[in-house]
Amino acid sequence: MDFNNLELECEELTTTSDAAIGGDLAVTGDTTLTGGLIRAARQIVIPICGNAKAGATAGWVITGGTNIGHATLPASQTASTLVVPITGLEIGDTLTALSVQGQVESAGGNVTLVLSVRKLTNVAAANTDAELGTDNVGTLAADTVISSANLEVASLTETLVEGETLYALLTGTTAGSTDIDLTGLLATVTRS
């Protein structure tokens, strides 16, 4: 059943199949839903500032000396890691994609950036850390915007349960006179 811009004023409406609403739906009075209501492709912006920390390999600077919230990997760094918790998720949410937002200044030098989406699971003996997916921008040799067009782990199906947290591990390498400047992550979520 397909409803487009439908206003209902009736005592009772029953449908025995899926109902797709392509426009606005105004319902007055009491409404009872049985089954689930799923909101697909919700996007959550996760700022770098206040969330990220430098990883095991030093190099990233978080909001150093500026009035904006970002993380910068300056020139001449090798395999420097940045850890960004994926926040804004609720138990039962399914992460379907994660992309990185920012830019690269190359000055003709080579820059690489790898995104690994990871899950920490609480276990009595020791927490476990597992990779869910990875992507990389390849080798960039020109100024480039970083977005879902060139750095995204798509086709994820990770449903968050109690005792789990998700995070992004970014690994960057910069040549002389180059840098990476990241402002946030963009998580695509199905929420039920």
N, C-alpha and C. Protein backbone atom coordinates (compact mmCIF):
# COMPACT_ATOMS: atom_id res chain seq x y z
N MET A 1 0.85 -1.16 0.00
CA MET A 1 0.00 0.00 0.00
C MET A 1 0.90 1.23 0.00
N ASP A 2 0.63 2.20 -0.84
CA ASP A 2 1.46 3.39 -0.95
C ASP A 2 0.62 4.62 -0.64
N PHE A 3 1.06 5.41 0.35
CA PHE A 3 0.35 6.63 0.73
C PHE A 3 1.25 7.82 0.44
N ASN A 4 0.76 8.80 -0.27
CA ASN A 4 1.49 10.03 -0.52
C ASN A 4 0.65 11.20 -0.08
N ASN A 5 1.20 12.01 0.85
CA ASN A 5 0.52 13.19 1.38
C ASN A 5 -0.92 12.88 1.78
N LEU A 6 -1.06 11.96 2.69
CA LEU A 6 -2.37 11.44 3.07
C LEU A 6 -2.78 12.00 4.42
N GLU A 7 -3.98 12.51 4.54
CA GLU A 7 -4.54 12.90 5.83
C GLU A 7 -5.66 11.94 6.15
N LEU A 8 -5.61 11.36 7.36
CA LEU A 8 -6.60 10.38 7.76
C LEU A 8 -7.54 10.98 8.79
N GLU A 9 -8.82 10.86 8.54
CA GLU A 9 -9.84 11.21 9.52
C GLU A 9 -10.86 10.09 9.48
N CYS A 10 -10.57 9.04 10.23
CA CYS A 10 -11.45 7.89 10.23
C CYS A 10 -11.40 7.24 11.61
N GLU A 11 -12.35 6.38 11.86
CA GLU A 11 -12.40 5.68 13.14
C GLU A 11 -11.27 4.67 13.25
N GLU A 12 -11.00 3.95 12.17
CA GLU A 12 -9.97 2.91 12.23
C GLU A 12 -9.46 2.62 10.83
N LEU A 13 -8.16 2.45 10.71
CA LEU A 13 -7.54 2.08 9.44
C LEU A 13 -6.69 0.85 9.72
N THR A 14 -6.91 -0.18 8.95
CA THR A 14 -6.15 -1.41 9.11
C THR A 14 -5.56 -1.78 7.77
N THR A 15 -4.28 -2.11 7.78
CA THR A 15 -3.64 -2.62 6.58
C THR A 15 -2.96 -3.94 6.94
N THR A 16 -3.04 -4.89 6.08
CA THR A 16 -2.46 -6.21 6.36
C THR A 16 -1.16 -6.41 5.60
N SER A 17 -0.68 -5.37 4.94
CA SER A 17 0.59 -5.46 4.23
C SER A 17 1.46 -4.27 4.64
N ASP A 18 2.65 -4.19 4.09
CA ASP A 18 3.53 -3.07 4.37
C ASP A 18 2.92 -1.79 3.81
N ALA A 19 3.11 -0.69 4.51
CA ALA A 19 2.64 0.61 4.05
C ALA A 19 3.84 1.52 3.86
N ALA A 20 4.03 2.03 2.67
CA ALA A 20 5.12 2.96 2.38
C ALA A 20 4.56 4.36 2.27
N ILE A 21 5.12 5.27 3.02
CA ILE A 21 4.65 6.66 3.00
C ILE A 21 5.70 7.49 2.30
N GLY A 22 5.34 8.05 1.17
CA GLY A 22 6.28 8.80 0.35
C GLY A 22 6.25 10.29 0.61
N GLY A 23 5.32 10.79 1.35
CA GLY A 23 5.23 12.22 1.64
C GLY A 23 4.86 12.42 3.09
N ASP A 24 4.09 13.46 3.36
CA ASP A 24 3.68 13.75 4.73
C ASP A 24 2.51 12.87 5.13
N LEU A 25 2.48 12.50 6.40
CA LEU A 25 1.37 11.75 6.96
C LEU A 25 0.93 12.47 8.22
N ALA A 26 -0.30 12.95 8.24
CA ALA A 26 -0.85 13.61 9.42
C ALA A 26 -1.90 12.70 10.04
N VAL A 27 -1.71 12.34 11.30
CA VAL A 27 -2.64 11.47 12.00
C VAL A 27 -3.15 12.22 13.21
N THR A 28 -4.47 12.33 13.34
CA THR A 28 -5.05 12.96 14.53
C THR A 28 -5.72 11.88 15.36
N GLY A 29 -5.71 12.06 16.65
CA GLY A 29 -6.29 11.06 17.53
C GLY A 29 -5.25 10.03 17.94
N ASP A 30 -5.71 8.99 18.62
CA ASP A 30 -4.82 7.95 19.10
C ASP A 30 -4.31 7.10 17.95
N THR A 31 -3.06 6.67 18.05
CA THR A 31 -2.46 5.83 17.04
C THR A 31 -1.81 4.64 17.72
N THR A 32 -2.09 3.46 17.23
CA THR A 32 -1.47 2.25 17.75
C THR A 32 -0.73 1.56 16.63
N LEU A 33 0.55 1.28 16.88
CA LEU A 33 1.34 0.55 15.91
C LEU A 33 1.70 -0.80 16.51
N THR A 34 1.53 -1.83 15.73
CA THR A 34 2.02 -3.13 16.15
C THR A 34 3.14 -3.51 15.19
N GLY A 35 4.10 -4.22 15.70
CA GLY A 35 5.27 -4.51 14.88
C GLY A 35 6.30 -3.43 15.12
N GLY A 36 7.17 -3.23 14.21
CA GLY A 36 8.25 -2.27 14.39
C GLY A 36 8.16 -1.10 13.44
N LEU A 37 8.66 0.02 13.91
CA LEU A 37 8.81 1.20 13.08
C LEU A 37 10.30 1.38 12.87
N ILE A 38 10.75 1.31 11.64
CA ILE A 38 12.17 1.37 11.35
C ILE A 38 12.47 2.64 10.58
N ARG A 39 13.45 3.40 11.07
CA ARG A 39 13.90 4.59 10.37
C ARG A 39 15.27 4.28 9.78
N ALA A 40 15.31 4.11 8.47
CA ALA A 40 16.54 3.72 7.78
C ALA A 40 17.31 4.95 7.32
N ALA A 41 18.61 4.77 7.17
CA ALA A 41 19.51 5.77 6.60
C ALA A 41 19.52 7.08 7.38
N ARG A 42 19.39 7.01 8.69
CA ARG A 42 19.57 8.20 9.52
C ARG A 42 21.06 8.48 9.58
N GLN A 43 21.45 9.74 9.44
CA GLN A 43 22.88 10.07 9.47
C GLN A 43 23.20 10.89 10.72
N ILE A 44 24.25 10.48 11.40
CA ILE A 44 24.68 11.13 12.63
C ILE A 44 26.06 11.73 12.39
N VAL A 45 26.22 13.04 12.65
CA VAL A 45 27.51 13.70 12.53
C VAL A 45 28.24 13.57 13.86
N ILE A 46 29.48 13.11 13.81
CA ILE A 46 30.29 12.91 15.01
C ILE A 46 31.50 13.84 14.90
N PRO A 47 31.51 14.93 15.68
CA PRO A 47 32.65 15.85 15.59
C PRO A 47 33.93 15.19 16.10
N ILE A 48 35.05 15.56 15.50
CA ILE A 48 36.35 15.07 15.96
C ILE A 48 36.66 15.67 17.33
N CYS A 49 36.47 16.98 17.46
CA CYS A 49 36.81 17.69 18.69
C CYS A 49 35.97 17.16 19.85
N GLY A 50 36.62 16.82 20.97
CA GLY A 50 35.91 16.31 22.13
C GLY A 50 35.72 14.81 22.12
N ASN A 51 36.00 14.17 21.00
CA ASN A 51 35.84 12.72 20.89
C ASN A 51 37.16 11.99 20.63
N ALA A 52 38.02 12.57 19.80
CA ALA A 52 39.21 11.87 19.33
C ALA A 52 40.37 11.95 20.31
N LYS A 53 41.27 10.98 20.16
CA LYS A 53 42.54 11.00 20.89
C LYS A 53 43.61 10.44 19.98
N ALA A 54 44.84 10.89 20.19
CA ALA A 54 45.95 10.33 19.44
C ALA A 54 46.09 8.87 19.81
N GLY A 55 46.42 8.05 18.82
CA GLY A 55 46.54 6.61 19.04
C GLY A 55 47.94 6.22 19.49
N ALA A 56 48.28 4.95 19.30
CA ALA A 56 49.55 4.40 19.74
C ALA A 56 50.74 5.00 19.00
N THR A 57 50.52 5.42 17.75
CA THR A 57 51.59 6.05 16.97
C THR A 57 51.33 7.55 16.92
N ALA A 58 52.19 8.33 17.53
CA ALA A 58 52.00 9.77 17.69
C ALA A 58 52.00 10.52 16.37
N GLY A 59 51.51 11.73 16.41
CA GLY A 59 51.55 12.61 15.24
C GLY A 59 50.34 13.51 15.11
N TRP A 60 49.15 13.01 15.42
CA TRP A 60 47.93 13.80 15.28
C TRP A 60 47.87 14.88 16.36
N VAL A 61 47.41 16.07 15.96
CA VAL A 61 47.22 17.19 16.88
C VAL A 61 45.74 17.52 16.87
N ILE A 62 45.11 17.51 18.04
CA ILE A 62 43.68 17.76 18.13
C ILE A 62 43.46 19.20 18.58
N THR A 63 42.90 20.02 17.68
CA THR A 63 42.57 21.44 17.88
C THR A 63 43.75 22.27 18.37
N GLY A 64 44.95 21.92 18.00
CA GLY A 64 46.11 22.68 18.46
C GLY A 64 46.20 24.06 17.84
N GLY A 65 46.20 25.09 18.68
CA GLY A 65 46.46 26.45 18.26
C GLY A 65 45.45 27.06 17.32
N THR A 66 44.21 26.55 17.29
CA THR A 66 43.19 27.13 16.42
C THR A 66 41.90 27.32 17.19
N ASN A 67 40.98 28.02 16.60
CA ASN A 67 39.66 28.24 17.21
C ASN A 67 38.59 27.35 16.60
N ILE A 68 39.00 26.31 15.88
CA ILE A 68 38.03 25.39 15.30
C ILE A 68 38.29 23.98 15.81
N GLY A 69 37.24 23.14 15.80
CA GLY A 69 37.37 21.77 16.28
C GLY A 69 37.79 20.84 15.16
N HIS A 70 39.02 20.39 15.19
CA HIS A 70 39.50 19.49 14.16
C HIS A 70 40.72 18.73 14.66
N ALA A 71 41.14 17.74 13.92
CA ALA A 71 42.38 17.01 14.18
C ALA A 71 43.25 17.14 12.94
N THR A 72 44.51 17.47 13.15
CA THR A 72 45.44 17.68 12.04
C THR A 72 46.60 16.71 12.15
N LEU A 73 46.96 16.12 11.02
CA LEU A 73 48.20 15.35 10.94
C LEU A 73 49.16 16.20 10.12
N PRO A 74 50.17 16.77 10.78
CA PRO A 74 51.09 17.66 10.07
C PRO A 74 52.02 16.89 9.12
N ALA A 75 52.87 17.63 8.45
CA ALA A 75 53.79 17.06 7.46
C ALA A 75 54.77 16.08 8.09
N SER A 76 55.24 15.17 7.25
CA SER A 76 56.33 14.24 7.58
C SER A 76 56.00 13.30 8.73
N GLN A 77 54.79 12.74 8.73
CA GLN A 77 54.39 11.75 9.73
C GLN A 77 54.21 10.40 9.04
N THR A 78 54.49 9.32 9.76
CA THR A 78 54.40 7.98 9.18
C THR A 78 53.50 7.09 10.02
N ALA A 79 52.42 6.58 9.42
CA ALA A 79 51.49 5.64 10.06
C ALA A 79 51.01 6.13 11.43
N SER A 80 50.67 7.40 11.52
CA SER A 80 50.16 7.98 12.77
C SER A 80 48.69 7.60 12.93
N THR A 81 48.30 7.23 14.15
CA THR A 81 46.95 6.74 14.39
C THR A 81 46.13 7.73 15.22
N LEU A 82 44.83 7.79 14.88
CA LEU A 82 43.85 8.62 15.57
C LEU A 82 42.66 7.74 15.89
N VAL A 83 42.20 7.79 17.15
CA VAL A 83 41.07 6.98 17.61
C VAL A 83 39.88 7.91 17.82
N VAL A 84 38.73 7.60 17.17
CA VAL A 84 37.52 8.41 17.30
C VAL A 84 36.35 7.51 17.69
N PRO A 85 35.82 7.62 18.92
CA PRO A 85 34.63 6.85 19.29
C PRO A 85 33.46 7.22 18.40
N ILE A 86 32.65 6.23 18.03
CA ILE A 86 31.44 6.47 17.24
C ILE A 86 30.31 6.70 18.24
N THR A 87 29.99 7.96 18.47
CA THR A 87 29.01 8.34 19.48
C THR A 87 27.65 8.62 18.85
N GLY A 88 26.63 8.75 19.70
CA GLY A 88 25.28 9.06 19.22
C GLY A 88 24.46 7.84 18.89
N LEU A 89 25.02 6.64 19.10
CA LEU A 89 24.29 5.41 18.81
C LEU A 89 23.52 4.95 20.04
N GLU A 90 22.43 4.25 19.80
CA GLU A 90 21.62 3.67 20.86
C GLU A 90 21.63 2.16 20.72
N ILE A 91 21.40 1.46 21.84
CA ILE A 91 21.30 0.00 21.79
C ILE A 91 20.20 -0.37 20.79
N GLY A 92 20.49 -1.28 19.89
CA GLY A 92 19.55 -1.68 18.84
C GLY A 92 19.78 -0.99 17.51
N ASP A 93 20.54 0.12 17.50
CA ASP A 93 20.88 0.77 16.24
C ASP A 93 21.79 -0.13 15.41
N THR A 94 21.62 -0.09 14.09
CA THR A 94 22.50 -0.84 13.19
C THR A 94 23.32 0.15 12.38
N LEU A 95 24.64 0.09 12.54
CA LEU A 95 25.55 0.92 11.76
C LEU A 95 25.68 0.30 10.38
N THR A 96 25.33 1.07 9.33
CA THR A 96 25.38 0.55 7.97
C THR A 96 26.51 1.16 7.14
N ALA A 97 27.04 2.33 7.57
CA ALA A 97 28.17 2.95 6.86
C ALA A 97 28.82 3.98 7.77
N LEU A 98 30.11 4.22 7.53
CA LEU A 98 30.84 5.26 8.25
C LEU A 98 31.81 5.91 7.29
N SER A 99 31.77 7.24 7.23
CA SER A 99 32.70 7.98 6.37
C SER A 99 33.42 9.04 7.18
N VAL A 100 34.48 9.57 6.60
CA VAL A 100 35.32 10.58 7.23
C VAL A 100 35.11 11.90 6.52
N GLN A 101 35.10 13.00 7.29
CA GLN A 101 34.90 14.34 6.74
C GLN A 101 36.15 15.18 7.01
N GLY A 102 36.67 15.84 5.99
CA GLY A 102 37.85 16.69 6.16
C GLY A 102 38.49 17.03 4.84
N GLN A 103 39.82 17.29 4.86
CA GLN A 103 40.52 17.63 3.63
C GLN A 103 42.01 17.35 3.77
N VAL A 104 42.67 17.26 2.62
CA VAL A 104 44.10 17.03 2.53
C VAL A 104 44.72 18.18 1.75
N GLU A 105 45.82 18.71 2.27
CA GLU A 105 46.65 19.65 1.52
C GLU A 105 47.91 18.90 1.16
N SER A 106 48.13 18.70 -0.14
CA SER A 106 49.23 17.82 -0.55
C SER A 106 50.49 18.55 -1.00
N ALA A 107 50.34 19.74 -1.54
CA ALA A 107 51.49 20.49 -2.09
C ALA A 107 52.31 19.61 -3.04
N GLY A 108 51.62 18.67 -3.71
CA GLY A 108 52.29 17.80 -4.66
C GLY A 108 52.92 16.57 -4.04
N GLY A 109 52.92 16.49 -2.70
CA GLY A 109 53.49 15.33 -2.02
C GLY A 109 52.43 14.26 -1.80
N ASN A 110 52.85 13.07 -1.42
CA ASN A 110 51.94 11.95 -1.22
C ASN A 110 51.35 11.94 0.19
N VAL A 111 50.04 11.66 0.25
CA VAL A 111 49.32 11.53 1.51
C VAL A 111 48.48 10.26 1.44
N THR A 112 48.48 9.47 2.52
CA THR A 112 47.59 8.31 2.59
C THR A 112 46.78 8.39 3.87
N LEU A 113 45.57 7.85 3.84
CA LEU A 113 44.70 7.82 5.01
C LEU A 113 43.84 6.56 4.93
N VAL A 114 43.87 5.76 6.00
CA VAL A 114 43.13 4.50 6.07
C VAL A 114 42.13 4.60 7.21
N LEU A 115 40.90 4.16 6.96
CA LEU A 115 39.83 4.10 7.96
C LEU A 115 39.55 2.64 8.29
N SER A 116 39.60 2.31 9.59
CA SER A 116 39.22 0.99 10.07
C SER A 116 38.07 1.19 11.06
N VAL A 117 36.91 0.58 10.79
CA VAL A 117 35.78 0.63 11.73
C VAL A 117 35.92 -0.59 12.64
N ARG A 118 35.88 -0.33 13.96
CA ARG A 118 36.21 -1.38 14.92
C ARG A 118 35.16 -1.47 16.03
N LYS A 119 35.12 -2.66 16.67
CA LYS A 119 34.18 -2.92 17.77
C LYS A 119 34.94 -3.45 18.97
N LEU A 120 34.68 -2.83 20.14
CA LEU A 120 35.18 -3.33 21.41
C LEU A 120 34.05 -4.07 22.10
N THR A 121 34.32 -5.29 22.56
CA THR A 121 33.31 -6.09 23.26
C THR A 121 33.84 -6.40 24.65
N ASN A 122 33.01 -6.14 25.67
CA ASN A 122 33.39 -6.43 27.05
C ASN A 122 33.36 -7.93 27.28
N VAL A 123 34.50 -8.47 27.72
CA VAL A 123 34.63 -9.90 28.04
C VAL A 123 35.36 -9.97 29.39
N ALA A 124 34.96 -10.90 30.25
CA ALA A 124 35.50 -10.98 31.60
C ALA A 124 37.03 -11.05 31.63
N ALA A 125 37.63 -11.86 30.79
CA ALA A 125 39.09 -12.03 30.82
C ALA A 125 39.80 -10.79 30.28
N ALA A 126 39.31 -10.24 29.19
CA ALA A 126 39.89 -9.03 28.58
C ALA A 126 38.95 -8.58 27.47
N ASN A 127 38.81 -7.28 27.29
CA ASN A 127 37.97 -6.78 26.20
C ASN A 127 38.57 -7.22 24.86
N THR A 128 37.68 -7.52 23.90
CA THR A 128 38.15 -7.92 22.58
C THR A 128 37.95 -6.77 21.60
N ASP A 129 38.84 -6.67 20.65
CA ASP A 129 38.85 -5.61 19.65
C ASP A 129 38.83 -6.27 18.28
N ALA A 130 37.81 -5.96 17.47
CA ALA A 130 37.68 -6.60 16.15
C ALA A 130 37.40 -5.56 15.08
N GLU A 131 37.96 -5.79 13.90
CA GLU A 131 37.71 -4.90 12.77
C GLU A 131 36.43 -5.32 12.06
N LEU A 132 35.56 -4.34 11.76
CA LEU A 132 34.31 -4.59 11.04
C LEU A 132 34.43 -4.30 9.55
N GLY A 133 35.36 -3.41 9.18
CA GLY A 133 35.55 -3.06 7.78
C GLY A 133 36.61 -1.99 7.65
N THR A 134 37.15 -1.84 6.44
CA THR A 134 38.22 -0.87 6.22
C THR A 134 38.10 -0.25 4.82
N ASP A 135 38.65 0.95 4.68
CA ASP A 135 38.72 1.63 3.39
C ASP A 135 39.92 2.58 3.44
N ASN A 136 40.42 2.99 2.28
CA ASN A 136 41.50 3.97 2.23
C ASN A 136 41.34 4.87 1.02
N VAL A 137 41.95 6.03 1.09
CA VAL A 137 41.83 6.99 -0.01
C VAL A 137 42.86 6.74 -1.11
N GLY A 138 43.71 5.73 -0.92
CA GLY A 138 44.80 5.52 -1.86
C GLY A 138 45.89 6.54 -1.58
N THR A 139 46.67 6.85 -2.58
CA THR A 139 47.73 7.86 -2.42
C THR A 139 47.27 9.14 -3.10
N LEU A 140 47.11 10.19 -2.30
CA LEU A 140 46.66 11.49 -2.82
C LEU A 140 47.88 12.37 -3.06
N ALA A 141 47.92 13.04 -4.21
CA ALA A 141 49.01 13.95 -4.53
C ALA A 141 48.48 15.31 -4.95
N ALA A 142 47.22 15.60 -4.56
CA ALA A 142 46.60 16.90 -4.86
C ALA A 142 45.68 17.26 -3.69
N ASP A 143 45.42 18.55 -3.51
CA ASP A 143 44.47 18.97 -2.48
C ASP A 143 43.14 18.26 -2.72
N THR A 144 42.58 17.66 -1.69
CA THR A 144 41.40 16.81 -1.85
C THR A 144 40.47 16.94 -0.67
N VAL A 145 39.16 17.01 -0.92
CA VAL A 145 38.16 16.93 0.13
C VAL A 145 37.98 15.46 0.48
N ILE A 146 37.95 15.16 1.78
CA ILE A 146 37.70 13.79 2.24
C ILE A 146 36.22 13.71 2.62
N SER A 147 35.51 12.74 2.05
CA SER A 147 34.07 12.60 2.29
C SER A 147 33.66 11.16 2.01
N SER A 148 32.37 10.91 2.02
CA SER A 148 31.88 9.56 1.71
C SER A 148 32.20 9.15 0.28
N ALA A 149 32.53 10.11 -0.58
CA ALA A 149 32.88 9.79 -1.97
C ALA A 149 34.22 9.06 -2.09
N ASN A 150 35.13 9.27 -1.11
CA ASN A 150 36.45 8.64 -1.25
C ASN A 150 36.97 7.94 0.01
N LEU A 151 36.27 8.05 1.14
CA LEU A 151 36.70 7.34 2.35
C LEU A 151 35.48 6.95 3.17
N GLU A 152 34.92 5.77 2.84
CA GLU A 152 33.73 5.29 3.51
C GLU A 152 33.76 3.77 3.60
N VAL A 153 33.44 3.25 4.78
CA VAL A 153 33.21 1.82 4.93
C VAL A 153 31.70 1.65 4.85
N ALA A 154 31.24 1.07 3.75
CA ALA A 154 29.81 0.87 3.52
C ALA A 154 29.47 -0.61 3.70
N SER A 155 28.21 -0.92 3.59
CA SER A 155 27.73 -2.31 3.70
C SER A 155 28.01 -2.93 5.06
N LEU A 156 28.03 -2.11 6.11
CA LEU A 156 28.14 -2.64 7.46
C LEU A 156 26.76 -3.12 7.92
N THR A 157 26.73 -4.04 8.84
CA THR A 157 25.46 -4.54 9.40
C THR A 157 25.62 -4.78 10.89
N GLU A 158 26.31 -3.87 11.57
CA GLU A 158 26.62 -4.06 12.99
C GLU A 158 25.53 -3.46 13.87
N THR A 159 24.79 -4.33 14.57
CA THR A 159 23.75 -3.88 15.50
C THR A 159 24.34 -3.79 16.89
N LEU A 160 24.24 -2.62 17.49
CA LEU A 160 24.84 -2.36 18.79
C LEU A 160 24.04 -3.03 19.90
N VAL A 161 24.75 -3.77 20.77
CA VAL A 161 24.13 -4.39 21.93
C VAL A 161 24.88 -3.93 23.18
N GLU A 162 24.30 -4.17 24.33
CA GLU A 162 24.96 -3.81 25.58
C GLU A 162 26.30 -4.52 25.68
N GLY A 163 27.30 -3.80 26.17
CA GLY A 163 28.63 -4.38 26.31
C GLY A 163 29.52 -4.19 25.10
N GLU A 164 29.05 -3.43 24.10
CA GLU A 164 29.84 -3.16 22.91
C GLU A 164 29.94 -1.66 22.68
N THR A 165 31.07 -1.22 22.16
CA THR A 165 31.24 0.14 21.69
C THR A 165 31.95 0.08 20.34
N LEU A 166 31.69 1.08 19.52
CA LEU A 166 32.28 1.14 18.18
C LEU A 166 33.20 2.35 18.10
N TYR A 167 34.26 2.23 17.29
CA TYR A 167 35.15 3.37 17.09
C TYR A 167 35.81 3.29 15.72
N ALA A 168 36.35 4.43 15.30
CA ALA A 168 37.11 4.50 14.06
C ALA A 168 38.58 4.64 14.40
N LEU A 169 39.41 3.87 13.70
CA LEU A 169 40.85 3.98 13.83
C LEU A 169 41.36 4.50 12.49
N LEU A 170 41.93 5.71 12.50
CA LEU A 170 42.44 6.33 11.29
C LEU A 170 43.97 6.29 11.32
N THR A 171 44.57 5.87 10.20
CA THR A 171 46.02 5.81 10.10
C THR A 171 46.45 6.65 8.91
N GLY A 172 47.26 7.68 9.19
CA GLY A 172 47.67 8.60 8.14
C GLY A 172 49.17 8.71 8.00
N THR A 173 49.60 8.98 6.77
CA THR A 173 51.01 9.24 6.46
C THR A 173 51.06 10.48 5.58
N THR A 174 51.95 11.41 5.94
CA THR A 174 52.08 12.66 5.18
C THR A 174 53.53 12.87 4.76
N ALA A 175 53.70 13.41 3.56
CA ALA A 175 55.04 13.78 3.08
C ALA A 175 55.36 15.19 3.57
N GLY A 176 56.55 15.69 3.23
CA GLY A 176 56.91 17.06 3.56
C GLY A 176 55.94 18.03 2.90
N SER A 177 55.60 19.12 3.57
CA SER A 177 54.70 20.17 3.07
C SER A 177 53.28 19.69 2.81
N THR A 178 52.86 18.61 3.45
CA THR A 178 51.49 18.12 3.31
C THR A 178 50.84 18.05 4.69
N ASP A 179 49.52 17.95 4.74
CA ASP A 179 48.83 17.67 6.00
C ASP A 179 47.44 17.13 5.73
N ILE A 180 46.86 16.54 6.79
CA ILE A 180 45.47 16.07 6.77
C ILE A 180 44.74 16.82 7.86
N ASP A 181 43.54 17.32 7.57
CA ASP A 181 42.75 18.07 8.53
C ASP A 181 41.34 17.47 8.56
N LEU A 182 40.99 16.80 9.65
CA LEU A 182 39.70 16.13 9.76
C LEU A 182 38.77 16.86 10.73
N THR A 183 37.49 16.96 10.35
CA THR A 183 36.51 17.66 11.19
C THR A 183 35.50 16.72 11.84
N GLY A 184 35.27 15.54 11.24
CA GLY A 184 34.30 14.64 11.85
C GLY A 184 34.11 13.35 11.08
N LEU A 185 33.20 12.55 11.62
CA LEU A 185 32.75 11.32 10.98
C LEU A 185 31.28 11.46 10.64
N LEU A 186 30.80 10.68 9.71
CA LEU A 186 29.38 10.64 9.36
C LEU A 186 28.95 9.18 9.41
N ALA A 187 28.10 8.86 10.41
CA ALA A 187 27.61 7.48 10.59
C ALA A 187 26.22 7.37 10.00
N THR A 188 26.00 6.33 9.19
CA THR A 188 24.67 6.04 8.65
C THR A 188 24.10 4.88 9.45
N VAL A 189 22.90 5.08 10.00
CA VAL A 189 22.34 4.18 10.99
C VAL A 189 20.89 3.84 10.64
N THR A 190 20.51 2.58 10.85
CA THR A 190 19.10 2.19 10.83
C THR A 190 18.66 2.07 12.27
N ARG A 191 17.62 2.81 12.62
CA ARG A 191 17.15 2.85 14.00
C ARG A 191 15.76 2.27 14.07
N SER A 192 15.57 1.29 14.97
CA SER A 192 14.24 0.70 15.12
C SER A 192 13.69 0.95 16.49
